[in-house]
PDB file of N, CA and C in Angstrom:
ATOM      1  N   MET A   1      82.326  49.774 114.305  1.00  0.00           N
ATOM      2  CA  MET A   1      82.365  50.181 115.823  1.00  0.00           C
ATOM      3  C   MET A   1      83.737  50.880 115.459  1.00  0.00           C
ATOM      4  N   ARG A   2      84.328  49.329 115.621  1.00  0.00           N
ATOM      5  CA  ARG A   2      86.083  50.354 115.638  1.00  0.00           C
ATOM      6  C   ARG A   2      86.270  51.117 114.438  1.00  0.00           C
ATOM      7  N   LYS A   3      86.182  51.052 113.309  1.00  0.00           N
ATOM      8  CA  LYS A   3      85.681  52.325 111.792  1.00  0.00           C
ATOM      9  C   LYS A   3      85.297  53.855 113.095  1.00  0.00           C
ATOM     10  N   LEU A   4      84.861  53.921 113.084  1.00  0.00           N
ATOM     11  CA  LEU A   4      83.877  55.152 113.540  1.00  0.00           C
ATOM     12  C   LEU A   4      85.464  55.265 114.333  1.00  0.00           C
ATOM     13  N   VAL A   5      85.290  54.889 115.106  1.00  0.00           N
ATOM     14  CA  VAL A   5      86.037  54.693 116.426  1.00  0.00           C
ATOM     15  C   VAL A   5      87.705  56.154 116.005  1.00  0.00           C
ATOM     16  N   ILE A   6      87.854  55.392 115.204  1.00  0.00           N
ATOM     17  CA  ILE A   6      89.433  55.790 114.505  1.00  0.00           C
ATOM     18  C   ILE A   6      88.797  56.748 113.432  1.00  0.00           C
ATOM     19  N   THR A   7      88.488  56.714 112.744  1.00  0.00           N
ATOM     20  CA  THR A   7      87.438  58.071 112.292  1.00  0.00           C
ATOM     21  C   THR A   7      87.581  59.272 113.030  1.00  0.00           C
ATOM     22  N   LEU A   8      87.001  59.174 113.758  1.00  0.00           N
ATOM     23  CA  LEU A   8      86.550  60.005 115.528  1.00  0.00           C
ATOM     24  C   LEU A   8      87.573  60.215 115.481  1.00  0.00           C
ATOM     25  N   ALA A   9      88.908  59.407 115.787  1.00  0.00           N
ATOM     26  CA  ALA A   9      90.917  59.609 116.263  1.00  0.00           C
ATOM     27  C   ALA A   9      90.832  60.771 114.891  1.00  0.00           C
ATOM     28  N   LEU A  10      90.977  60.281 114.130  1.00  0.00           N
ATOM     29  CA  LEU A  10      91.634  61.234 112.936  1.00  0.00           C
ATOM     30  C   LEU A  10      91.090  62.653 113.061  1.00  0.00           C
ATOM     31  N   VAL A  11      89.411  62.758 112.734  1.00  0.00           N
ATOM     32  CA  VAL A  11      89.168  63.531 112.912  1.00  0.00           C
ATOM     33  C   VAL A  11      89.452  65.293 114.174  1.00  0.00           C
ATOM     34  N   SER A  12      89.491  64.479 115.596  1.00  0.00           N
ATOM     35  CA  SER A  12      90.667  65.765 116.151  1.00  0.00           C
ATOM     36  C   SER A  12      91.864  65.655 115.780  1.00  0.00           C
ATOM     37  N   LEU A  13      92.097  64.433 115.525  1.00  0.00           N
ATOM     38  CA  LEU A  13      94.030  65.070 115.499  1.00  0.00           C
ATOM     39  C   LEU A  13      94.046  65.393 114.589  1.00  0.00           C
ATOM     40  N   LEU A  14      92.980  65.628 113.688  1.00  0.00           N
ATOM     41  CA  LEU A  14      93.120  66.814 112.168  1.00  0.00           C
ATOM     42  C   LEU A  14      93.197  68.530 112.938  1.00  0.00           C
ATOM     43  N   ALA A  15      91.711  68.309 113.508  1.00  0.00           N
ATOM     44  CA  ALA A  15      91.320  69.501 114.225  1.00  0.00           C
ATOM     45  C   ALA A  15      92.286  69.884 115.263  1.00  0.00           C
ATOM     46  N   GLY A  16      92.609  69.867 115.994  1.00  0.00           N
ATOM     47  CA  GLY A  16      94.315  70.161 116.909  1.00  0.00           C
ATOM     48  C   GLY A  16      95.499  70.618 115.865  1.00  0.00           C
ATOM     49  N   ILE A  17      95.686  69.584 114.949  1.00  0.00           N
ATOM     50  CA  ILE A  17      96.715  70.243 114.293  1.00  0.00           C
ATOM     51  C   ILE A  17      96.227  71.415 113.970  1.00  0.00           C
ATOM     52  N   GLY A  18      95.543  71.339 112.919  1.00  0.00           N
ATOM     53  CA  GLY A  18      94.539  73.143 113.069  1.00  0.00           C
ATOM     54  C   GLY A  18      94.516  74.129 113.666  1.00  0.00           C
ATOM     55  N   ALA A  19      94.427  73.563 114.801  1.00  0.00           N
ATOM     56  CA  ALA A  19      94.806  74.883 115.771  1.00  0.00           C
ATOM     57  C   ALA A  19      95.643  75.888 115.873  1.00  0.00           C
ATOM     58  N   ALA A  20      96.459  74.577 116.025  1.00  0.00           N
ATOM     59  CA  ALA A  20      97.963  75.073 116.348  1.00  0.00           C
ATOM     60  C   ALA A  20      98.748  76.140 115.049  1.00  0.00           C
ATOM     61  N   VAL A  21      98.238  74.830 113.950  1.00  0.00           N
ATOM     62  CA  VAL A  21      98.406  76.054 112.909  1.00  0.00           C
ATOM     63  C   VAL A  21      97.841  77.505 113.658  1.00  0.00           C
ATOM     64  N   ALA A  22      96.479  77.591 113.606  1.00  0.00           N
ATOM     65  CA  ALA A  22      96.174  79.005 113.543  1.00  0.00           C
ATOM     66  C   ALA A  22      96.290  79.500 114.380  1.00  0.00           C
ATOM     67  N   LEU A  23      97.263  79.838 115.886  1.00  0.00           N
ATOM     68  CA  LEU A  23      97.422  80.206 116.602  1.00  0.00           C
ATOM     69  C   LEU A  23      99.189  80.436 116.067  1.00  0.00           C
ATOM     70  N   ALA A  24      99.847  80.111 115.602  1.00  0.00           N
ATOM     71  CA  ALA A  24     100.824  80.182 114.792  1.00  0.00           C
ATOM     72  C   ALA A  24     100.824  81.283 113.942  1.00  0.00           C
ATOM     73  N   ARG A  25     100.997  82.118 113.886  1.00  0.00           N
ATOM     74  CA  ARG A  25     100.549  84.042 112.955  1.00  0.00           C
ATOM     75  C   ARG A  25     101.623  83.691 112.120  1.00  0.00           C
ATOM     76  N   THR A  26     102.395  84.043 110.888  1.00  0.00           N
ATOM     77  CA  THR A  26     103.165  86.121 110.497  1.00  0.00           C
ATOM     78  C   THR A  26     102.238  87.912 110.564  1.00  0.00           C
ATOM     79  N   LYS A  27     103.315  87.713 110.689  1.00  0.00           N
ATOM     80  CA  LYS A  27     102.776  89.219 110.567  1.00  0.00           C
ATOM     81  C   LYS A  27     103.707  89.351 109.481  1.00  0.00           C
ATOM     82  N   SER A  28     103.002  90.785 109.338  1.00  0.00           N
ATOM     83  CA  SER A  28     104.356  91.336 107.584  1.00  0.00           C
ATOM     84  C   SER A  28     104.700  93.571 108.600  1.00  0.00           C
ATOM     85  N   VAL A  29     106.197  93.637 108.721  1.00  0.00           N
ATOM     86  CA  VAL A  29     105.953  94.937 108.940  1.00  0.00           C
ATOM     87  C   VAL A  29     106.907  94.981 108.141  1.00  0.00           C
ATOM     88  N   GLY A  30     106.514  96.494 107.453  1.00  0.00           N
ATOM     89  CA  GLY A  30     106.972  97.254 106.027  1.00  0.00           C
ATOM     90  C   GLY A  30     108.239  98.157 105.951  1.00  0.00           C
ATOM     91  N   MET A  31     109.726  98.485 105.932  1.00  0.00           N
ATOM     92  CA  MET A  31     110.616  99.403 106.412  1.00  0.00           C
ATOM     93  C   MET A  31     110.541 100.727 105.079  1.00  0.00           C
ATOM     94  N   GLY A  32     110.083 101.106 105.485  1.00  0.00           N
ATOM     95  CA  GLY A  32     110.344 102.467 103.967  1.00  0.00           C
ATOM     96  C   GLY A  32     112.070 102.929 104.673  1.00  0.00           C
ATOM     97  N   ASP A  33     113.124 104.529 103.506  1.00  0.00           N
ATOM     98  CA  ASP A  33     113.601 105.072 104.713  1.00  0.00           C
ATOM     99  C   ASP A  33     113.394 105.796 105.451  1.00  0.00           C
ATOM    100  N   ASN A  34     113.526 104.901 106.795  1.00  0.00           N
ATOM    101  CA  ASN A  34     114.132 106.034 107.662  1.00  0.00           C
ATOM    102  C   ASN A  34     113.148 105.431 108.714  1.00  0.00           C
ATOM    103  N   TYR A  35     112.758 104.663 108.259  1.00  0.00           N
ATOM    104  CA  TYR A  35     111.034 104.217 109.595  1.00  0.00           C
ATOM    105  C   TYR A  35     110.667 103.155 109.026  1.00  0.00           C
ATOM    106  N   PHE A  36     109.805 102.510 110.433  1.00  0.00           N
ATOM    107  CA  PHE A  36     108.778 101.117 110.229  1.00  0.00           C
ATOM    108  C   PHE A  36     107.394 101.605 109.385  1.00  0.00           C
ATOM    109  N   PHE A  37     106.205 101.300 108.789  1.00  0.00           N
ATOM    110  CA  PHE A  37     105.620 101.076 108.531  1.00  0.00           C
ATOM    111  C   PHE A  37     104.473 101.386 109.725  1.00  0.00           C
ATOM    112  N   VAL A  38     105.008 100.080 111.093  1.00  0.00           N
ATOM    113  CA  VAL A  38     103.759 100.460 111.946  1.00  0.00           C
ATOM    114  C   VAL A  38     104.728 100.394 113.095  1.00  0.00           C
ATOM    115  N   GLY A  39     103.789 100.842 114.507  1.00  0.00           N
ATOM    116  CA  GLY A  39     104.438 100.930 115.731  1.00  0.00           C
ATOM    117  C   GLY A  39     104.872  99.949 117.064  1.00  0.00           C
ATOM    118  N   THR A  40     103.440  99.440 116.929  1.00  0.00           N
ATOM    119  CA  THR A  40     103.285  98.347 117.860  1.00  0.00           C
ATOM    120  C   THR A  40     103.071  96.762 116.730  1.00  0.00           C
ATOM    121  N   VAL A  41     103.875  96.002 117.102  1.00  0.00           N
ATOM    122  CA  VAL A  41     102.497  94.343 116.355  1.00  0.00           C
ATOM    123  C   VAL A  41     102.168  93.853 117.192  1.00  0.00           C
ATOM    124  N   LYS A  42     101.586  93.140 117.848  1.00  0.00           N
ATOM    125  CA  LYS A  42     100.604  91.947 118.792  1.00  0.00           C
ATOM    126  C   LYS A  42     100.484  90.657 117.792  1.00  0.00           C
ATOM    127  N   ILE A  43     101.642  89.985 118.299  1.00  0.00           N
ATOM    128  CA  ILE A  43     101.322  88.509 118.650  1.00  0.00           C
ATOM    129  C   ILE A  43     101.252  87.484 119.469  1.00  0.00           C
ATOM    130  N   LYS A  44     101.236  85.977 119.103  1.00  0.00           N
ATOM    131  CA  LYS A  44     100.864  84.975 119.607  1.00  0.00           C
ATOM    132  C   LYS A  44     102.508  84.551 120.047  1.00  0.00           C
ATOM    133  N   LYS A  45     102.581  84.600 121.600  1.00  0.00           N
ATOM    134  CA  LYS A  45     103.353  82.632 121.419  1.00  0.00           C
ATOM    135  C   LYS A  45     103.401  81.923 120.170  1.00  0.00           C
ATOM    136  N   GLY A  46     104.909  82.271 119.762  1.00  0.00           N
ATOM    137  CA  GLY A  46     105.304  80.644 118.209  1.00  0.00           C
ATOM    138  C   GLY A  46     104.920  81.557 117.111  1.00  0.00           C
ATOM    139  N   SER A  47     105.130  83.073 116.570  1.00  0.00           N
ATOM    140  CA  SER A  47     104.141  83.323 115.764  1.00  0.00           C
ATOM    141  C   SER A  47     105.132  84.436 115.650  1.00  0.00           C
ATOM    142  N   SER A  48     105.523  84.328 114.094  1.00  0.00           N
ATOM    143  CA  SER A  48     105.980  85.952 113.571  1.00  0.00           C
ATOM    144  C   SER A  48     106.095  86.338 113.346  1.00  0.00           C
ATOM    145  N   VAL A  49     107.350  87.664 113.278  1.00  0.00           N
ATOM    146  CA  VAL A  49     106.985  89.346 112.003  1.00  0.00           C
ATOM    147  C   VAL A  49     108.272  88.686 111.095  1.00  0.00           C
ATOM    148  N   ARG A  50     107.603  89.863 110.053  1.00  0.00           N
ATOM    149  CA  ARG A  50     107.882  89.676 108.790  1.00  0.00           C
ATOM    150  C   ARG A  50     108.347  90.978 108.658  1.00  0.00           C
ATOM    151  N   TRP A  51     109.921  91.156 108.729  1.00  0.00           N
ATOM    152  CA  TRP A  51     110.376  92.558 108.183  1.00  0.00           C
ATOM    153  C   TRP A  51     110.566  92.744 106.463  1.00  0.00           C
ATOM    154  N   HIS A  52     110.230  93.452 105.310  1.00  0.00           N
ATOM    155  CA  HIS A  52     109.641  94.326 104.363  1.00  0.00           C
ATOM    156  C   HIS A  52     110.858  95.213 104.180  1.00  0.00           C
ATOM    157  N   TRP A  53     111.855  95.118 103.100  1.00  0.00           N
ATOM    158  CA  TRP A  53     113.012  95.742 102.955  1.00  0.00           C
ATOM    159  C   TRP A  53     112.011  96.326 101.580  1.00  0.00           C
ATOM    160  N   SER A  54     111.717  97.877 101.829  1.00  0.00           N
ATOM    161  CA  SER A  54     110.896  98.415 100.933  1.00  0.00           C
ATOM    162  C   SER A  54     111.639  99.740 100.380  1.00  0.00           C
ATOM    163  N   GLY A  55     112.841 100.915 101.306  1.00  0.00           N
ATOM    164  CA  GLY A  55     113.744 102.290 101.512  1.00  0.00           C
ATOM    165  C   GLY A  55     114.771 101.901  99.493  1.00  0.00           C
ATOM    166  N   THR A  56     114.768 102.404  99.340  1.00  0.00           N
ATOM    167  CA  THR A  56     115.800 102.742  98.706  1.00  0.00           C
ATOM    168  C   THR A  56     117.487 103.344  98.454  1.00  0.00           C
ATOM    169  N   GLU A  57     117.308 103.808  99.225  1.00  0.00           N
ATOM    170  CA  GLU A  57     118.051 105.913  99.459  1.00  0.00           C
ATOM    171  C   GLU A  57     118.912 105.293 100.485  1.00  0.00           C
ATOM    172  N   ASN A  58     119.000 104.104 101.429  1.00  0.00           N
ATOM    173  CA  ASN A  58     119.238 103.802 102.603  1.00  0.00           C
ATOM    174  C   ASN A  58     119.583 102.138 103.308  1.00  0.00           C
ATOM    175  N   LEU A  59     120.753 101.426 103.850  1.00  0.00           N
ATOM    176  CA  LEU A  59     120.970 100.494 104.397  1.00  0.00           C
ATOM    177  C   LEU A  59     119.902 100.511 105.553  1.00  0.00           C
ATOM    178  N   HIS A  60     118.843  99.918 105.962  1.00  0.00           N
ATOM    179  CA  HIS A  60     118.466  99.487 107.015  1.00  0.00           C
ATOM    180  C   HIS A  60     118.517  97.609 108.046  1.00  0.00           C
ATOM    181  N   ASN A  61     118.217  97.520 108.622  1.00  0.00           N
ATOM    182  CA  ASN A  61     118.698  96.604 109.491  1.00  0.00           C
ATOM    183  C   ASN A  61     117.875  96.192 111.216  1.00  0.00           C
ATOM    184  N   VAL A  62     117.792  94.923 111.346  1.00  0.00           N
ATOM    185  CA  VAL A  62     116.849  95.016 112.125  1.00  0.00           C
ATOM    186  C   VAL A  62     117.098  94.156 113.520  1.00  0.00           C
ATOM    187  N   VAL A  63     116.965  95.493 114.692  1.00  0.00           N
ATOM    188  CA  VAL A  63     117.831  94.498 115.403  1.00  0.00           C
ATOM    189  C   VAL A  63     116.372  94.632 116.769  1.00  0.00           C
ATOM    190  N   ALA A  64     116.489  93.381 117.461  1.00  0.00           N
ATOM    191  CA  ALA A  64     116.340  92.999 118.670  1.00  0.00           C
ATOM    192  C   ALA A  64     117.222  93.592 119.858  1.00  0.00           C
ATOM    193  N   LYS A  65     116.908  95.100 119.736  1.00  0.00           N
ATOM    194  CA  LYS A  65     117.134  96.515 121.956  1.00  0.00           C
ATOM    195  C   LYS A  65     118.189  94.914 122.590  1.00  0.00           C
ATOM    196  N   LYS A  66     117.163  94.011 123.704  1.00  0.00           N
ATOM    197  CA  LYS A  66     116.743  94.021 124.854  1.00  0.00           C
ATOM    198  C   LYS A  66     115.510  92.960 124.818  1.00  0.00           C
ATOM    199  N   GLY A  67     115.795  91.414 125.581  1.00  0.00           N
ATOM    200  CA  GLY A  67     115.269  90.506 125.770  1.00  0.00           C
ATOM    201  C   GLY A  67     114.617  89.016 124.387  1.00  0.00           C
ATOM    202  N   VAL A  68     115.349  88.973 123.576  1.00  0.00           N
ATOM    203  CA  VAL A  68     115.551  88.328 122.867  1.00  0.00           C
ATOM    204  C   VAL A  68     116.487  88.920 121.945  1.00  0.00           C
ATOM    205  N   ARG A  69     117.527  88.072 121.422  1.00  0.00           N
ATOM    206  CA  ARG A  69     119.084  88.545 120.760  1.00  0.00           C
ATOM    207  C   ARG A  69     118.391  88.271 118.802  1.00  0.00           C
ATOM    208  N   PHE A  70     118.262  88.977 117.618  1.00  0.00           N
ATOM    209  CA  PHE A  70     118.521  88.837 116.640  1.00  0.00           C
ATOM    210  C   PHE A  70     118.937  89.339 116.161  1.00  0.00           C
ATOM    211  N   HIS A  71     119.580  90.165 115.278  1.00  0.00           N
ATOM    212  CA  HIS A  71     119.970  90.920 114.141  1.00  0.00           C
ATOM    213  C   HIS A  71     120.036  90.228 112.606  1.00  0.00           C
ATOM    214  N   SER A  72     118.922  91.601 111.999  1.00  0.00           N
ATOM    215  CA  SER A  72     119.275  91.029 111.037  1.00  0.00           C
ATOM    216  C   SER A  72     120.491  91.317 109.331  1.00  0.00           C
ATOM    217  N   LYS A  73     120.435  90.810 108.251  1.00  0.00           N
ATOM    218  CA  LYS A  73     121.514  91.869 107.703  1.00  0.00           C
ATOM    219  C   LYS A  73     121.390  93.039 108.053  1.00  0.00           C
ATOM    220  N   THR A  74     122.320  94.125 106.779  1.00  0.00           N
ATOM    221  CA  THR A  74     121.978  95.684 106.332  1.00  0.00           C
ATOM    222  C   THR A  74     122.364  95.625 105.120  1.00  0.00           C
ATOM    223  N   GLY A  75     121.193  96.083 104.927  1.00  0.00           N
ATOM    224  CA  GLY A  75     119.820  96.649 103.210  1.00  0.00           C
ATOM    225  C   GLY A  75     119.324  97.142 103.131  1.00  0.00           C
ATOM    226  N   HIS A  76     119.002  97.019 101.344  1.00  0.00           N
ATOM    227  CA  HIS A  76     118.015  98.036 100.322  1.00  0.00           C
ATOM    228  C   HIS A  76     116.898  97.078 100.619  1.00  0.00           C
ATOM    229  N   SER A  77     117.454  95.601 100.719  1.00  0.00           N
ATOM    230  CA  SER A  77     115.552  95.334 100.269  1.00  0.00           C
ATOM    231  C   SER A  77     116.148  93.739 100.385  1.00  0.00           C
ATOM    232  N   GLY A  78     115.234  93.375 100.428  1.00  0.00           N
ATOM    233  CA  GLY A  78     115.093  91.479 100.798  1.00  0.00           C
ATOM    234  C   GLY A  78     114.017  91.994 102.046  1.00  0.00           C
ATOM    235  N   SER A  79     114.167  90.335 103.375  1.00  0.00           N
ATOM    236  CA  SER A  79     112.765  89.924 104.160  1.00  0.00           C
ATOM    237  C   SER A  79     113.650  89.300 105.360  1.00  0.00           C
ATOM    238  N   PHE A  80     113.289  89.618 106.347  1.00  0.00           N
ATOM    239  CA  PHE A  80     113.673  88.967 107.494  1.00  0.00           C
ATOM    240  C   PHE A  80     112.797  88.614 108.584  1.00  0.00           C
ATOM    241  N   THR A  81     112.708  87.362 109.660  1.00  0.00           N
ATOM    242  CA  THR A  81     111.265  86.954 109.558  1.00  0.00           C
ATOM    243  C   THR A  81     112.528  85.901 110.730  1.00  0.00           C
ATOM    244  N   TYR A  82     111.637  86.400 112.167  1.00  0.00           N
ATOM    245  CA  TYR A  82     111.580  85.925 113.772  1.00  0.00           C
ATOM    246  C   TYR A  82     110.583  85.402 114.222  1.00  0.00           C
ATOM    247  N   THR A  83     110.530  83.851 114.734  1.00  0.00           N
ATOM    248  CA  THR A  83     109.468  83.416 115.067  1.00  0.00           C
ATOM    249  C   THR A  83     109.889  83.543 116.402  1.00  0.00           C
ATOM    250  N   PHE A  84     109.542  84.502 117.429  1.00  0.00           N
ATOM    251  CA  PHE A  84     109.214  85.219 118.435  1.00  0.00           C
ATOM    252  C   PHE A  84     108.592  83.717 120.102  1.00  0.00           C
ATOM    253  N   ASN A  85     109.501  83.624 121.129  1.00  0.00           N
ATOM    254  CA  ASN A  85     108.921  81.980 121.761  1.00  0.00           C
ATOM    255  C   ASN A  85     108.447  82.337 122.678  1.00  0.00           C
ATOM    256  N   LYS A  86     108.760  84.020 123.499  1.00  0.00           N
ATOM    257  CA  LYS A  86     108.872  83.955 124.634  1.00  0.00           C
ATOM    258  C   LYS A  86     107.903  85.132 125.118  1.00  0.00           C
ATOM    259  N   ARG A  87     107.790  85.609 125.719  1.00  0.00           N
ATOM    260  CA  ARG A  87     106.425  86.097 125.954  1.00  0.00           C
ATOM    261  C   ARG A  87     106.592  87.422 126.588  1.00  0.00           C
ATOM    262  N   GLY A  88     106.758  89.140 126.764  1.00  0.00           N
ATOM    263  CA  GLY A  88     106.602  90.506 126.731  1.00  0.00           C
ATOM    264  C   GLY A  88     106.652  91.174 125.181  1.00  0.00           C
ATOM    265  N   THR A  89     107.534  92.165 125.899  1.00  0.00           N
ATOM    266  CA  THR A  89     107.523  93.606 124.608  1.00  0.00           C
ATOM    267  C   THR A  89     108.904  93.832 124.374  1.00  0.00           C
ATOM    268  N   PHE A  90     109.660  93.663 122.977  1.00  0.00           N
ATOM    269  CA  PHE A  90     110.071  93.640 122.556  1.00  0.00           C
ATOM    270  C   PHE A  90     110.876  94.859 121.570  1.00  0.00           C
ATOM    271  N   THR A  91     110.968  95.601 121.982  1.00  0.00           N
ATOM    272  CA  THR A  91     112.116  97.145 121.286  1.00  0.00           C
ATOM    273  C   THR A  91     112.598  96.062 119.751  1.00  0.00           C
ATOM    274  N   ILE A  92     112.537  96.522 118.610  1.00  0.00           N
ATOM    275  CA  ILE A  92     113.064  96.762 117.606  1.00  0.00           C
ATOM    276  C   ILE A  92     113.437  97.752 116.393  1.00  0.00           C
ATOM    277  N   ILE A  93     114.659  97.532 116.747  1.00  0.00           N
ATOM    278  CA  ILE A  93     115.369  98.982 116.208  1.00  0.00           C
ATOM    279  C   ILE A  93     116.071  98.835 114.181  1.00  0.00           C
ATOM    280  N   CYS A  94     116.390  99.648 114.082  1.00  0.00           N
ATOM    281  CA  CYS A  94     117.257  99.775 112.460  1.00  0.00           C
ATOM    282  C   CYS A  94     118.322 100.393 113.105  1.00  0.00           C
ATOM    283  N   THR A  95     119.537 100.014 113.378  1.00  0.00           N
ATOM    284  CA  THR A  95     121.200 100.643 114.551  1.00  0.00           C
ATOM    285  C   THR A  95     121.549 101.741 113.095  1.00  0.00           C
ATOM    286  N   LYS A  96     121.487 101.477 112.416  1.00  0.00           N
ATOM    287  CA  LYS A  96     121.850 102.866 110.970  1.00  0.00           C
ATOM    288  C   LYS A  96     121.319 103.827 111.465  1.00  0.00           C
ATOM    289  N   HIS A  97     120.076 103.778 112.015  1.00  0.00           N
ATOM    290  CA  HIS A  97     118.559 104.653 112.178  1.00  0.00           C
ATOM    291  C   HIS A  97     117.787 104.665 114.039  1.00  0.00           C
ATOM    292  N   PRO A  98     119.061 104.698 115.236  1.00  0.00           N
ATOM    293  CA  PRO A  98     118.399 104.076 116.238  1.00  0.00           C
ATOM    294  C   PRO A  98     116.992 104.844 116.850  1.00  0.00           C
ATOM    295  N   SER A  99     117.142 106.604 116.386  1.00  0.00           N
ATOM    296  CA  SER A  99     116.360 107.165 117.279  1.00  0.00           C
ATOM    297  C   SER A  99     114.966 107.614 116.456  1.00  0.00           C
ATOM    298  N   VAL A 100     115.628 107.298 115.165  1.00  0.00           N
ATOM    299  CA  VAL A 100     113.502 106.733 114.619  1.00  0.00           C
ATOM    300  C   VAL A 100     112.899 106.225 113.531  1.00  0.00           C
ATOM    301  N   MET A 101     113.840 104.830 112.926  1.00  0.00           N
ATOM    302  CA  MET A 101     112.989 103.540 113.207  1.00  0.00           C
ATOM    303  C   MET A 101     113.501 102.781 114.104  1.00  0.00           C
ATOM    304  N   ARG A 102     112.773 103.574 115.233  1.00  0.00           N
ATOM    305  CA  ARG A 102     111.662 102.108 115.890  1.00  0.00           C
ATOM    306  C   ARG A 102     110.863 101.413 116.584  1.00  0.00           C
ATOM    307  N   MET A 103     110.558 100.092 116.624  1.00  0.00           N
ATOM    308  CA  MET A 103     108.941  98.912 117.122  1.00  0.00           C
ATOM    309  C   MET A 103     108.662  98.771 118.491  1.00  0.00           C
ATOM    310  N   LYS A 104     107.415  98.588 119.082  1.00  0.00           N
ATOM    311  CA  LYS A 104     107.624  97.427 119.423  1.00  0.00           C
ATOM    312  C   LYS A 104     107.040  95.846 119.085  1.00  0.00           C
ATOM    313  N   VAL A 105     107.156  94.458 119.612  1.00  0.00           N
ATOM    314  CA  VAL A 105     105.804  93.797 118.784  1.00  0.00           C
ATOM    315  C   VAL A 105     106.086  92.708 120.471  1.00  0.00           C
ATOM    316  N   LYS A 106     104.714  93.058 120.689  1.00  0.00           N
ATOM    317  CA  LYS A 106     103.937  92.491 121.715  1.00  0.00           C
ATOM    318  C   LYS A 106     103.434  91.186 121.865  1.00  0.00           C
ATOM    319  N   VAL A 107     104.146  90.616 122.671  1.00  0.00           N
ATOM    320  CA  VAL A 107     103.414  88.999 122.890  1.00  0.00           C
ATOM    321  C   VAL A 107     103.408  88.728 123.461  1.00  0.00           C
ATOM    322  N   SER A 108     101.733  87.686 123.265  1.00  0.00           N
ATOM    323  CA  SER A 108     100.936  87.031 124.917  1.00  0.00           C
ATOM    324  C   SER A 108     100.926  86.146 124.790  1.00  0.00           C
TER     325      SER A 108
END
């Protein structure tokens, strides 16, 4: 009986860990020359967004305009990941092309 109780407790613990991992996910956003591939990304609190540079002509970065604070490197290639631990809608821009490179991250 004791082994059964311990086994059930371990199964419950592992199921809870699996559920927590399933909630925290990473969404990918591509960046080309002077545009983000999507206009809005919807994620859950505790999830991440990863931006990938794919343009070759211009330098780009990823900057949160307000609500959260982050600023990626500026470059032609690479990636940048940020985990959103606050609910809300956040405007993300490239400071090199702020009028055309804008997107939103909606965190629920």
